[in-house]
């Protein structure tokens, strides 16, 4: 059977302030404009997760949408929805939470947890796309995860501690 791509859409809201200690306050204002507001601002993000797989001839479908939903809920939505990215997400202690960087962080988290959550399943996490606004859309191809000895519970627990 041919390979298909399943794209599933999710939504979450988060706040952030674009600011880096590597630049002066004036430079931060120049680079990030209104997004450098000291009180931050929020977005209603739209996230597309793209999975690639051959259709199972016996079932006539690819990966279970319910399994994918549960996976994205535990790895992304519970960790990022209604959060202040600068304060509540570990990666952003050292990274500027631009949507470009947010897309990379989400892709790394999904790629790291995928082989544990879907061990032995032929579906592959291929890429994600995130809308910050109707006009700002970012896409990241899934990184190849480093080999790990972690269990699914350890992956989920480490994601929980990161937020």
Protein backbone atom coordinates (compact mmCIF):
# COMPACT_ATOMS: atom_id res chain seq x y z
CA UNK A 1 0.00 0.00 0.00
CA UNK A 2 1.19 3.57 -0.57
CA UNK A 3 2.43 5.80 2.20
CA UNK A 4 0.09 8.47 3.45
CA UNK A 5 0.57 11.51 5.63
CA UNK A 6 -1.82 12.09 8.47
CA UNK A 7 -1.88 15.70 9.63
CA UNK A 8 -3.66 16.33 12.90
CA UNK A 9 -4.37 19.84 14.18
CA UNK A 10 -4.17 20.96 17.82
CA UNK A 11 -4.55 24.28 19.57
CA UNK A 12 -2.95 25.74 22.67
CA UNK A 13 -2.40 29.15 24.20
CA UNK A 14 0.81 30.43 25.75
CA UNK A 15 2.47 33.68 26.72
CA UNK A 16 6.03 34.81 26.16
CA UNK A 17 8.34 37.78 26.11
CA UNK A 18 10.98 38.03 23.43
CA UNK A 19 14.10 39.21 25.21
CA UNK A 20 17.68 38.03 25.50
CA UNK A 21 20.32 39.02 28.04
CA UNK A 22 22.84 38.91 25.18
CA UNK A 23 21.47 42.24 23.93
CA UNK A 24 20.95 45.57 25.65
CA UNK A 25 17.42 46.68 26.49
CA UNK A 26 17.55 49.06 23.53
CA UNK A 27 18.76 46.32 21.16
CA UNK A 28 16.04 43.98 22.42
CA UNK A 29 13.42 46.64 21.67
CA UNK A 30 14.90 47.13 18.19
CA UNK A 31 15.00 43.40 17.41
CA UNK A 32 11.71 42.29 18.98
CA UNK A 33 9.61 45.48 18.88
CA UNK A 34 6.28 45.20 20.68
CA UNK A 35 7.04 41.54 21.45
CA UNK A 36 9.66 42.79 23.93
CA UNK A 37 6.93 44.14 26.23
CA UNK A 38 8.22 43.54 29.80
CA UNK A 39 4.84 42.04 30.74
CA UNK A 40 4.84 39.65 27.80
CA UNK A 41 1.97 38.81 25.48
CA UNK A 42 0.13 35.70 24.41
CA UNK A 43 -0.80 33.72 21.34
CA UNK A 44 -3.41 31.15 20.46
CA UNK A 45 -1.15 28.74 18.60
CA UNK A 46 -2.30 26.20 16.04
CA UNK A 47 -0.08 23.12 15.76
CA UNK A 48 -0.14 20.57 12.96
CA UNK A 49 1.61 17.26 13.61
CA UNK A 50 2.39 15.28 10.47
CA UNK A 51 2.84 11.51 10.64
CA UNK A 52 3.87 9.31 7.71
CA UNK A 53 2.96 5.66 7.35
CA UNK A 54 1.76 2.98 4.98
CA UNK A 55 -1.93 2.18 5.27
CA UNK A 56 -2.48 -1.10 7.10
CA UNK A 57 -4.37 -3.23 4.54
CA UNK A 58 -6.23 -5.12 7.28
CA UNK A 59 -7.51 -1.95 8.99
CA UNK A 60 -7.61 0.33 5.97
CA UNK A 61 -6.01 3.10 7.93
CA UNK A 62 -2.75 4.38 9.30
CA UNK A 63 -2.00 5.28 12.91
CA UNK A 64 -4.85 5.56 15.39
CA UNK A 65 -5.96 9.18 15.67
CA UNK A 66 -6.86 8.56 19.33
CA UNK A 67 -3.33 7.29 20.07
CA UNK A 68 -1.81 10.30 18.31
CA UNK A 69 -4.10 12.67 20.23
CA UNK A 70 -3.12 11.12 23.57
CA UNK A 71 0.54 11.33 22.64
CA UNK A 72 0.40 15.02 21.63
CA UNK A 73 -1.70 15.80 24.70
CA UNK A 74 0.90 14.31 27.06
CA UNK A 75 4.06 15.52 25.30
CA UNK A 76 2.95 18.97 24.15
CA UNK A 77 -0.43 20.27 25.23
CA UNK A 78 -0.20 19.51 28.97
CA UNK A 79 3.27 21.03 29.02
CA UNK A 80 2.62 24.21 27.01
CA UNK A 81 -1.05 25.16 27.13
CA UNK A 82 -1.78 28.18 29.35
CA UNK A 83 1.92 28.55 30.24
CA UNK A 84 4.34 31.43 30.35
CA UNK A 85 7.05 29.98 28.13
CA UNK A 86 9.82 32.14 29.60
CA UNK A 87 9.09 31.02 33.16
CA UNK A 88 7.42 27.60 32.98
CA UNK A 89 9.23 25.72 30.20
CA UNK A 90 12.78 24.59 31.00
CA UNK A 91 14.24 25.05 27.51
CA UNK A 92 13.39 28.75 27.56
CA UNK A 93 15.57 29.43 30.57
CA UNK A 94 18.37 29.70 27.98
CA UNK A 95 16.50 30.20 24.69
CA UNK A 96 14.45 33.11 23.39
CA UNK A 97 10.89 31.79 22.98
CA UNK A 98 10.34 32.94 19.42
CA UNK A 99 7.88 30.77 17.54
CA UNK A 100 10.74 29.49 15.40
CA UNK A 101 12.50 28.21 18.52
CA UNK A 102 9.20 26.96 20.00
CA UNK A 103 8.71 24.87 16.84
CA UNK A 104 12.19 23.36 17.26
CA UNK A 105 11.58 22.60 20.95
CA UNK A 106 8.26 20.91 20.20
CA UNK A 107 9.78 18.90 17.35
CA UNK A 108 12.64 17.70 19.59
CA UNK A 109 10.23 16.69 22.35
CA UNK A 110 7.94 14.83 19.96
CA UNK A 111 10.85 13.11 18.21
CA UNK A 112 12.41 12.01 21.52
CA UNK A 113 9.16 10.57 22.87
CA UNK A 114 7.92 9.02 19.60
CA UNK A 115 10.01 5.79 19.60
CA UNK A 116 8.97 5.09 23.18
CA UNK A 117 5.26 5.80 22.73
CA UNK A 118 5.03 4.06 19.35
CA UNK A 119 7.66 1.34 19.76
CA UNK A 120 7.28 -1.25 17.01
CA UNK A 121 4.71 0.84 15.15
CA UNK A 122 5.65 1.74 11.57
CA UNK A 123 4.29 5.30 11.74
CA UNK A 124 6.93 8.04 11.74
CA UNK A 125 6.69 11.56 13.10
CA UNK A 126 7.64 13.56 10.01
CA UNK A 127 7.23 17.27 10.75
CA UNK A 128 5.25 19.91 12.53
CA UNK A 129 3.84 23.24 11.52
CA UNK A 130 2.88 25.95 13.98
CA UNK A 131 0.83 29.07 13.38
CA UNK A 132 1.64 31.99 15.65
CA UNK A 133 -0.75 34.24 13.70
CA UNK A 134 -2.61 33.90 10.42
CA UNK A 135 0.47 35.21 8.65
CA UNK A 136 3.34 33.73 10.72
CA UNK A 137 3.68 30.00 10.14
CA UNK A 138 6.75 27.92 10.92
CA UNK A 139 7.54 24.35 9.86
CA UNK A 140 10.16 21.98 11.26
CA UNK A 141 11.13 18.60 9.89
CA UNK A 142 11.33 16.03 12.68
CA UNK A 143 14.86 15.62 14.02
CA UNK A 144 16.27 12.13 14.26
CA UNK A 145 16.22 11.33 17.98
CA UNK A 146 19.39 10.21 19.69
CA UNK A 147 19.32 6.58 20.79
CA UNK A 148 17.92 6.34 24.29
CA UNK A 149 17.55 3.79 26.99
CA UNK A 150 14.64 5.72 28.50
CA UNK A 151 11.22 4.29 29.11
CA UNK A 152 7.99 5.95 28.04
CA UNK A 153 7.31 6.97 31.68
CA UNK A 154 10.76 8.60 31.96
CA UNK A 155 10.17 10.59 28.74
CA UNK A 156 6.74 11.79 29.92
CA UNK A 157 8.11 12.56 33.40
CA UNK A 158 11.02 14.59 32.00
CA UNK A 159 8.58 16.57 29.85
CA UNK A 160 6.46 17.23 32.95
CA UNK A 161 9.45 18.50 34.90
CA UNK A 162 10.39 20.81 32.04
CA UNK A 163 7.29 22.93 32.51
